[in-house]
Amino acid sequence: MRVLVVGGGGREHAICVCAAKSPKVDKLFCAPGNAGIAKIATCVDIGPMEFDRLTAFAVEEKIDFCIVGMDDPLVGGLTDRMEEAGVRTFGPRKNAAILEGSKAFSKDLMKRYNIPTASYENFDDYDAAVEYLKSAPMPIVLKADGLALGKGVLICNTLEEALEGAKEIMLDKKFGDAGAKMVIEQFMTGREVSVLSFTDGKTIKIMTSAQDHKRAGDGDTGLNTGGMGTFSPSPFYTKEVDEFCKKNIYQATVDAMRNEGREFKGVIFFGLMLTEDGPKVLEYNARFGDPEAQVVLPRMKNDIIEVMEACVDGRLEEIELEFEDNAAVCVVLASAGYPVKYEKGKVIEGFENFSGKDDYFCFHAGTKLTDGKVVTSGGRVLGITAKGRDLKDARAKAYEATSWIDFEGKYMRNDIGKAIDEA
């Protein structure tokens, strides 16, 4: 098979690593890719939102299978365009990717189908939102309705913070058009857990659990980011939690989307909050999480192409997902100043330290090749991942491996997976 992966981050690097191992794959392309992906795939200089160029390339290169890794092209309808061009594509169509593309839609869906989530209200009028906030209990959560690179959520402890947050989202357009509509949501407390799943629109198969760290600084301080690290599995995702979610959340979501005429084929990411009242859905994503993919996929035993084909063909019930009985931890190496302002073009050294080490992975997120050298090209630069016999072992190995890489302005959190010690 000739396979095209769309995207250029750490998630797409993890997908490419898995795809490259599949005996089904003869030739692997990635658009646009990055310096790490370039070692295992042919990178193509086409942006993920250049639908005309992507489809033309897929037709010209006789691509047999396309994997859309990113949220923006999925929500924009790239799968639809590829299918119209005759290219089998993994990832939900536009009318199903709205599950992530609109938080208001997903909240309304959960309400209609009694899927556990926080109480909320949707607003497209700033003044109405302000009036609601004046009598709402604090703390409270404000969410930009559309895609905002994982940063469009504000947790407000006081009315003053909430009013300023509403202004930032709806009037100042801090998150662009994503803030044209805003969700105001009850603040929930508990452990957060991420659960990825494959679905063919009818059957859903759950992957192993993970837990992300969104805040930029140690101790969950600082601004929200796209993710500073993650670990898998989560010790807080118990058998009881799994049984509850399978009964009340996972299959219910797939069935709800099908009932709405929005059959979902691809990956559904369930962001869960384990509250005193039981698990509730924080958010849905319509693709692999980043950096969750970097700890979940290295532990998956299955041929990823076989699983994805089963999703596209509507025969996922034939697949039994299998994961290694171990653990993985990913620590993101970022550029100093991320997620606000940071410099690019810093030379990265130390990749040779990963050679021949099966339990260690260096996933590229924001890198490119310049004059034969790998340099930084984004806020999140690398995802240093290690597998171990358990979470503590994997954590120690991951942090050991972060010292193997060096670049000017290297920044990371030092407490990824610290909750493991409290479990």
Protein backbone atom coordinates (compact mmCIF):
# COMPACT_ATOMS: atom_id res chain seq x y z
CA MET A 1 0.00 0.00 0.00
CA ARG A 2 0.98 3.59 -0.60
CA VAL A 3 0.01 5.56 2.52
CA LEU A 4 -0.23 9.32 3.13
CA VAL A 5 -0.30 10.77 6.66
CA VAL A 6 -1.51 14.39 6.96
CA GLY A 7 0.11 16.48 9.70
CA GLY A 8 3.51 17.39 11.02
CA GLY A 9 3.56 17.05 14.81
CA GLY A 10 4.50 14.51 17.44
CA ARG A 11 1.20 12.69 17.00
CA GLU A 12 1.84 12.23 13.29
CA HIS A 13 5.39 11.05 13.99
CA ALA A 14 3.99 8.38 16.35
CA ILE A 15 1.44 7.35 13.68
CA CYS A 16 4.17 7.17 11.03
CA VAL A 17 6.39 5.01 13.27
CA CYS A 18 3.53 2.53 13.63
CA ALA A 19 2.55 2.68 9.95
CA ALA A 20 6.15 2.12 8.85
CA LYS A 21 6.18 -1.17 10.78
CA SER A 22 3.12 -2.52 8.95
CA PRO A 23 3.92 -5.17 6.33
CA LYS A 24 1.01 -3.71 4.37
CA VAL A 25 2.88 -0.44 3.73
CA ASP A 26 5.19 -0.28 0.71
CA LYS A 27 5.63 3.49 0.58
CA LEU A 28 4.91 6.10 3.27
CA PHE A 29 4.38 9.82 2.66
CA CYS A 30 3.68 12.61 5.14
CA ALA A 31 2.42 16.14 4.43
CA PRO A 32 4.07 18.30 5.60
CA GLY A 33 5.92 16.08 8.10
CA ASN A 34 8.98 17.18 10.08
CA ALA A 35 12.67 16.35 10.48
CA GLY A 36 11.98 13.17 12.47
CA ILE A 37 9.26 11.89 10.16
CA ALA A 38 11.63 12.47 7.20
CA LYS A 39 13.77 9.55 8.43
CA ILE A 40 10.96 7.02 7.86
CA ALA A 41 8.69 8.68 5.27
CA THR A 42 8.87 10.94 2.23
CA CYS A 43 7.86 14.39 3.43
CA VAL A 44 5.80 16.49 1.05
CA ASP A 45 5.73 20.28 1.35
CA ILE A 46 1.95 20.65 1.39
CA GLY A 47 0.07 22.22 4.30
CA PRO A 48 -2.69 20.25 6.06
CA MET A 49 -5.35 22.78 4.99
CA GLU A 50 -4.33 22.83 1.30
CA PHE A 51 -7.09 20.43 0.31
CA ASP A 52 -6.76 20.89 -3.47
CA ARG A 53 -3.04 20.19 -3.43
CA LEU A 54 -3.40 17.27 -1.01
CA THR A 55 -6.07 15.54 -3.08
CA ALA A 56 -4.17 16.19 -6.32
CA PHE A 57 -1.03 14.70 -4.77
CA ALA A 58 -2.96 11.66 -3.52
CA VAL A 59 -4.39 10.99 -6.97
CA GLU A 60 -1.09 11.56 -8.80
CA GLU A 61 0.86 9.35 -6.41
CA LYS A 62 -1.85 6.65 -6.44
CA ILE A 63 -2.26 6.80 -2.65
CA ASP A 64 -4.18 3.75 -1.42
CA PHE A 65 -4.85 4.99 2.10
CA CYS A 66 -4.80 8.43 3.73
CA ILE A 67 -4.59 9.02 7.50
CA VAL A 68 -5.65 12.50 8.66
CA GLY A 69 -3.94 13.16 11.99
CA MET A 70 -4.90 16.75 12.75
CA ASP A 71 -8.11 18.38 13.96
CA ASP A 72 -8.26 21.36 11.58
CA PRO A 73 -8.35 19.38 8.30
CA LEU A 74 -10.81 16.88 9.79
CA VAL A 75 -13.20 19.62 10.93
CA GLY A 76 -12.67 21.35 7.58
CA GLY A 77 -13.73 18.26 5.63
CA LEU A 78 -10.51 16.77 4.21
CA THR A 79 -11.83 13.23 4.58
CA ASP A 80 -14.85 14.13 2.43
CA ARG A 81 -12.58 15.66 -0.22
CA MET A 82 -10.26 12.64 -0.28
CA GLU A 83 -13.17 10.23 -0.55
CA GLU A 84 -14.62 12.26 -3.41
CA ALA A 85 -11.26 11.85 -5.16
CA GLY A 86 -11.45 8.09 -4.65
CA VAL A 87 -8.91 7.85 -1.81
CA ARG A 88 -9.79 5.63 1.17
CA THR A 89 -9.30 7.83 4.22
CA PHE A 90 -9.10 7.25 7.96
CA GLY A 91 -10.71 10.02 9.99
CA PRO A 92 -14.27 11.27 10.47
CA ARG A 93 -16.09 13.17 7.75
CA LYS A 94 -16.86 16.83 8.32
CA ASN A 95 -20.36 16.24 9.67
CA ALA A 96 -18.94 13.86 12.32
CA ALA A 97 -15.77 15.83 13.16
CA ILE A 98 -18.10 18.53 14.54
CA LEU A 99 -17.94 16.41 17.71
CA GLU A 100 -14.65 18.24 18.30
CA GLY A 101 -15.23 21.23 16.04
CA SER A 102 -18.06 22.65 18.17
CA LYS A 103 -18.11 22.35 21.94
CA ALA A 104 -21.67 23.65 21.93
CA PHE A 105 -22.70 20.82 19.59
CA SER A 106 -21.01 18.17 21.72
CA LYS A 107 -22.54 19.50 24.95
CA ASP A 108 -26.00 19.56 23.38
CA LEU A 109 -25.46 16.02 22.09
CA MET A 110 -24.56 14.79 25.57
CA LYS A 111 -27.62 16.48 27.04
CA ARG A 112 -29.94 14.93 24.44
CA TYR A 113 -28.59 11.42 24.96
CA ASN A 114 -28.04 11.56 28.75
CA ILE A 115 -24.26 11.17 28.50
CA PRO A 116 -22.73 12.33 31.82
CA THR A 117 -21.12 15.79 31.61
CA ALA A 118 -21.01 19.06 33.53
CA SER A 119 -24.05 21.37 33.48
CA TYR A 120 -23.62 24.24 31.03
CA GLU A 121 -25.13 27.01 28.90
CA ASN A 122 -24.20 28.14 25.36
CA PHE A 123 -23.92 31.82 24.42
CA ASP A 124 -23.43 33.66 21.14
CA ASP A 125 -24.28 37.05 22.69
CA TYR A 126 -21.64 38.67 24.93
CA ASP A 127 -24.09 40.70 27.03
CA ALA A 128 -26.24 37.64 27.74
CA ALA A 129 -23.12 35.73 28.80
CA VAL A 130 -22.14 38.54 31.20
CA GLU A 131 -25.60 38.58 32.80
CA TYR A 132 -25.45 34.81 33.28
CA LEU A 133 -21.99 34.99 34.87
CA LYS A 134 -23.11 37.59 37.41
CA SER A 135 -25.29 35.01 39.17
CA ALA A 136 -23.25 31.88 38.40
CA PRO A 137 -21.33 30.00 41.13
CA MET A 138 -17.54 30.29 41.03
CA PRO A 139 -15.16 28.81 40.00
CA ILE A 140 -16.51 28.38 36.48
CA VAL A 141 -15.17 27.25 33.11
CA LEU A 142 -15.32 29.21 29.87
CA LYS A 143 -14.77 27.40 26.57
CA ALA A 144 -14.41 28.87 23.10
CA ASP A 145 -16.81 26.87 20.93
CA GLY A 146 -14.41 26.10 18.07
CA LEU A 147 -10.87 24.79 17.64
CA ALA A 148 -8.20 26.70 19.58
CA LEU A 149 -5.10 24.45 19.57
CA GLY A 150 -6.08 23.01 22.95
CA LYS A 151 -5.88 26.44 24.58
CA GLY A 152 -9.45 27.76 24.36
CA VAL A 153 -10.47 26.81 27.90
CA LEU A 154 -10.33 29.28 30.79
CA ILE A 155 -10.85 28.27 34.42
CA CYS A 156 -12.05 31.34 36.33
CA ASN A 157 -11.99 31.48 40.14
CA THR A 158 -13.74 34.83 40.56
CA LEU A 159 -16.44 36.85 38.80
CA GLU A 160 -13.79 39.40 37.77
CA GLU A 161 -11.74 36.65 36.09
CA ALA A 162 -14.85 35.27 34.40
CA LEU A 163 -15.88 38.66 33.01
CA GLU A 164 -12.37 39.28 31.71
CA GLY A 165 -12.29 35.78 30.21
CA ALA A 166 -15.61 36.32 28.43
CA LYS A 167 -14.28 39.58 27.00
CA GLU A 168 -11.09 37.86 25.79
CA ILE A 169 -13.01 35.06 24.09
CA MET A 170 -16.02 36.87 22.62
CA LEU A 171 -14.94 40.49 22.12
CA ASP A 172 -11.13 40.47 21.88
CA LYS A 173 -11.23 37.26 19.81
CA LYS A 174 -8.19 35.85 21.60
CA PHE A 175 -8.94 32.50 19.96
CA GLY A 176 -10.19 33.96 16.68
CA ASP A 177 -13.48 32.79 15.23
CA ALA A 178 -13.47 29.89 17.70
CA GLY A 179 -14.84 32.37 20.23
CA ALA A 180 -17.88 33.50 18.21
CA LYS A 181 -19.86 31.21 20.49
CA MET A 182 -18.91 30.33 24.07
CA VAL A 183 -19.81 27.51 26.46
CA ILE A 184 -20.06 28.38 30.15
CA GLU A 185 -19.67 25.20 32.16
CA GLN A 186 -19.85 24.04 35.75
CA PHE A 187 -16.38 23.56 37.27
CA MET A 188 -15.72 19.91 38.06
CA THR A 189 -13.11 18.48 40.43
CA GLY A 190 -11.42 15.10 40.32
CA ARG A 191 -8.78 13.20 38.39
CA GLU A 192 -8.54 13.78 34.65
CA VAL A 193 -8.10 10.76 32.38
CA SER A 194 -7.78 10.52 28.60
CA VAL A 195 -9.18 7.48 26.81
CA LEU A 196 -8.64 6.97 23.08
CA SER A 197 -10.86 4.70 21.00
CA PHE A 198 -11.25 3.36 17.48
CA THR A 199 -14.74 3.24 15.99
CA ASP A 200 -16.29 2.26 12.65
CA GLY A 201 -19.52 4.10 13.37
CA LYS A 202 -21.17 1.09 15.05
CA THR A 203 -18.52 -0.76 17.06
CA ILE A 204 -16.14 0.99 19.44
CA LYS A 205 -12.86 -0.46 20.72
CA ILE A 206 -11.14 1.23 23.65
CA MET A 207 -7.38 1.77 23.74
CA THR A 208 -5.34 1.97 26.91
CA SER A 209 -5.83 5.00 29.17
CA ALA A 210 -3.50 7.99 29.51
CA GLN A 211 -3.22 11.28 31.39
CA ASP A 212 -2.07 14.59 29.92
CA HIS A 213 -0.50 17.62 31.62
CA LYS A 214 -1.82 20.80 30.01
CA ARG A 215 -0.33 23.59 32.12
CA ALA A 216 3.05 25.02 31.13
CA GLY A 217 4.64 24.91 34.59
CA ASP A 218 5.38 22.41 37.33
CA GLY A 219 2.54 21.82 39.76
CA ASP A 220 -0.02 22.57 37.04
CA THR A 221 0.82 26.28 37.05
CA GLY A 222 1.02 28.72 34.17
CA LEU A 223 -0.90 28.91 30.91
CA ASN A 224 -2.69 26.11 29.12
CA THR A 225 -0.64 24.47 26.36
CA GLY A 226 -1.18 21.79 23.76
CA GLY A 227 0.25 19.35 26.33
CA MET A 228 3.56 19.21 28.19
CA GLY A 229 3.68 15.47 28.75
CA THR A 230 1.63 12.39 29.46
CA PHE A 231 1.69 8.89 30.87
CA SER A 232 -0.09 5.60 30.17
CA PRO A 233 -1.88 3.78 31.66
CA SER A 234 -3.59 5.91 34.29
CA PRO A 235 -3.70 4.18 37.70
CA PHE A 236 -6.94 6.07 38.36
CA TYR A 237 -8.73 4.42 35.43
CA THR A 238 -9.98 1.40 37.35
CA LYS A 239 -12.02 -1.58 36.19
CA GLU A 240 -15.11 0.04 37.78
CA VAL A 241 -14.53 3.29 35.89
CA ASP A 242 -14.03 1.34 32.64
CA GLU A 243 -17.28 -0.59 33.10
CA PHE A 244 -19.25 2.59 33.86
CA CYS A 245 -17.85 4.42 30.83
CA LYS A 246 -18.45 1.51 28.46
CA LYS A 247 -22.07 1.40 29.57
CA ASN A 248 -22.84 5.13 29.80
CA ILE A 249 -20.34 7.06 27.66
CA TYR A 250 -18.40 5.24 24.92
CA GLN A 251 -21.01 3.25 23.03
CA ALA A 252 -23.62 5.88 23.87
CA THR A 253 -21.58 8.52 22.03
CA VAL A 254 -21.10 6.36 18.91
CA ASP A 255 -24.82 5.50 18.87
CA ALA A 256 -25.81 9.15 19.39
CA MET A 257 -23.71 10.29 16.43
CA ARG A 258 -25.17 7.59 14.21
CA ASN A 259 -28.70 8.51 15.32
CA GLU A 260 -27.97 12.12 14.37
CA GLY A 261 -26.97 11.03 10.85
CA ARG A 262 -23.31 11.75 11.62
CA GLU A 263 -21.73 8.30 11.54
CA PHE A 264 -18.28 8.62 13.11
CA LYS A 265 -15.42 6.55 11.69
CA GLY A 266 -11.98 7.12 13.15
CA VAL A 267 -10.63 7.94 16.59
CA ILE A 268 -12.74 9.43 19.37
CA PHE A 269 -10.73 10.88 22.24
CA PHE A 270 -12.68 10.97 25.49
CA GLY A 271 -11.43 13.53 28.00
CA LEU A 272 -12.90 12.36 31.31
CA MET A 273 -13.17 13.84 34.80
CA LEU A 274 -13.47 11.26 37.58
CA THR A 275 -15.78 13.19 39.93
CA GLU A 276 -17.34 12.17 43.24
CA ASP A 277 -20.55 11.64 41.26
CA GLY A 278 -18.83 9.31 38.80
CA PRO A 279 -16.99 9.79 35.48
CA LYS A 280 -18.13 12.70 33.29
CA VAL A 281 -17.06 13.87 29.84
CA LEU A 282 -14.90 16.99 29.82
CA GLU A 283 -14.40 17.06 26.06
CA TYR A 284 -14.32 15.04 22.87
CA ASN A 285 -11.59 15.11 20.25
CA ALA A 286 -12.04 13.64 16.79
CA ARG A 287 -8.48 12.28 16.49
CA PHE A 288 -5.54 10.96 18.48
CA GLY A 289 -4.46 13.24 21.31
CA ASP A 290 -1.06 14.88 21.21
CA PRO A 291 0.96 13.86 23.26
CA GLU A 292 -1.34 10.96 24.26
CA ALA A 293 -0.62 9.16 20.97
CA GLN A 294 3.07 9.15 21.88
CA VAL A 295 2.47 6.91 24.93
CA VAL A 296 -0.52 4.88 23.71
CA LEU A 297 0.66 3.86 20.22
CA PRO A 298 4.10 2.52 21.28
CA ARG A 299 2.26 0.12 23.62
CA MET A 300 -0.19 -1.14 20.96
CA LYS A 301 0.59 -4.60 19.57
CA ASN A 302 -1.79 -4.42 16.59
CA ASP A 303 -0.90 -3.48 13.04
CA ILE A 304 -2.25 0.09 12.98
CA ILE A 305 -3.11 -0.10 9.27
CA GLU A 306 -5.22 -3.24 9.80
CA VAL A 307 -7.15 -1.50 12.59
CA MET A 308 -7.68 1.69 10.59
CA GLU A 309 -8.83 -0.24 7.51
CA ALA A 310 -11.34 -2.11 9.68
CA CYS A 311 -12.72 1.25 10.89
CA VAL A 312 -13.09 2.57 7.34
CA ASP A 313 -14.67 -0.69 6.10
CA GLY A 314 -17.13 -1.04 9.00
CA ARG A 315 -15.73 -4.31 10.34
CA LEU A 316 -14.05 -3.25 13.56
CA GLU A 317 -15.84 -6.04 15.44
CA GLU A 318 -13.29 -8.40 13.83
CA ILE A 319 -10.37 -6.66 15.59
CA GLU A 320 -9.19 -7.40 19.12
CA LEU A 321 -7.02 -4.53 20.34
CA GLU A 322 -3.96 -5.64 22.28
CA PHE A 323 -1.57 -3.58 24.38
CA GLU A 324 1.69 -4.43 26.10
CA ASP A 325 1.56 -5.06 29.84
CA ASN A 326 3.86 -2.17 30.67
CA ALA A 327 3.78 1.63 30.88
CA ALA A 328 5.01 4.68 28.98
CA VAL A 329 5.82 8.29 29.88
CA CYS A 330 6.32 11.21 27.49
CA VAL A 331 8.05 14.45 28.53
CA VAL A 332 7.72 17.34 26.07
CA LEU A 333 10.82 19.43 25.42
CA ALA A 334 9.56 22.91 24.54
CA SER A 335 11.07 26.22 23.48
CA ALA A 336 11.54 28.76 26.28
CA GLY A 337 8.56 31.12 26.34
CA TYR A 338 6.03 28.61 24.99
CA PRO A 339 3.03 28.91 24.72
CA VAL A 340 3.30 32.70 24.29
CA LYS A 341 6.47 33.82 22.49
CA TYR A 342 9.51 31.75 21.63
CA GLU A 343 12.45 31.72 19.23
CA LYS A 344 12.90 29.22 16.40
CA GLY A 345 15.88 27.93 14.47
CA LYS A 346 17.88 26.57 17.42
CA VAL A 347 20.12 23.64 16.51
CA ILE A 348 19.18 20.38 18.29
CA GLU A 349 21.85 17.89 19.28
CA GLY A 350 21.90 14.41 20.81
CA PHE A 351 19.64 12.31 18.57
CA GLU A 352 22.33 9.65 18.26
CA ASN A 353 21.77 8.74 21.92
CA PHE A 354 18.47 7.08 20.99
CA SER A 355 20.01 4.74 18.42
CA GLY A 356 19.47 1.06 19.17
CA LYS A 357 17.40 1.67 22.31
CA ASP A 358 14.06 -0.12 21.80
CA ASP A 359 12.30 1.30 24.85
CA TYR A 360 13.13 4.94 24.05
CA PHE A 361 11.49 7.20 21.47
CA CYS A 362 12.25 10.75 20.36
CA PHE A 363 9.09 11.99 18.65
CA HIS A 364 9.56 15.20 16.66
CA ALA A 365 6.85 17.85 17.03
CA GLY A 366 8.30 21.24 16.04
CA THR A 367 11.45 20.52 14.03
CA LYS A 368 12.77 21.02 10.51
CA LEU A 369 15.94 20.45 8.53
CA THR A 370 18.03 23.55 7.77
CA ASP A 371 21.43 23.27 6.06
CA GLY A 372 21.63 19.62 7.03
CA LYS A 373 20.93 20.27 10.70
CA VAL A 374 17.77 19.63 12.73
CA VAL A 375 16.50 22.91 14.23
CA THR A 376 13.52 23.99 16.32
CA SER A 377 10.47 25.24 14.41
CA GLY A 378 7.72 25.28 17.04
CA GLY A 379 6.79 25.70 20.68
CA ARG A 380 6.63 22.00 21.45
CA VAL A 381 9.82 20.64 19.93
CA LEU A 382 10.21 16.97 20.92
CA GLY A 383 8.32 14.32 22.87
CA ILE A 384 10.81 12.20 24.78
CA THR A 385 9.08 8.89 25.48
CA ALA A 386 10.18 5.77 27.33
CA LYS A 387 8.54 2.44 28.09
CA GLY A 388 9.14 0.67 31.39
CA ARG A 389 7.90 -2.28 33.41
CA ASP A 390 5.64 0.13 35.34
CA LEU A 391 4.93 3.86 35.45
CA LYS A 392 7.72 4.70 37.90
CA ASP A 393 10.26 2.86 35.77
CA ALA A 394 9.03 4.51 32.58
CA ARG A 395 9.08 7.94 34.23
CA ALA A 396 12.67 7.52 35.43
CA LYS A 397 13.77 6.38 31.96
CA ALA A 398 11.95 9.23 30.19
CA TYR A 399 13.56 11.88 32.38
CA GLU A 400 16.93 10.19 31.95
CA ALA A 401 16.48 10.48 28.18
CA THR A 402 15.61 14.19 28.30
CA SER A 403 19.25 14.83 29.25
CA TRP A 404 20.41 13.22 26.00
CA ILE A 405 18.98 16.11 23.94
CA ASP A 406 20.19 19.68 24.00
CA PHE A 407 19.17 22.93 22.32
CA GLU A 408 19.22 26.57 23.33
CA GLY A 409 16.15 27.45 25.38
CA LYS A 410 15.19 23.83 26.11
CA TYR A 411 12.31 23.84 28.59
CA MET A 412 10.29 21.06 30.21
CA ARG A 413 8.12 20.26 33.18
CA ASN A 414 9.83 18.20 35.85
CA ASP A 415 6.71 16.60 37.34
CA ILE A 416 5.15 14.64 34.48
CA GLY A 417 3.58 11.57 36.04
CA LYS A 418 4.22 12.72 39.58
CA ALA A 419 0.64 11.70 40.36
CA ILE A 420 1.88 8.15 39.89
CA ASP A 421 3.62 8.42 43.26
CA GLU A 422 0.33 9.46 44.87
CA ALA A 423 -1.74 6.63 43.43
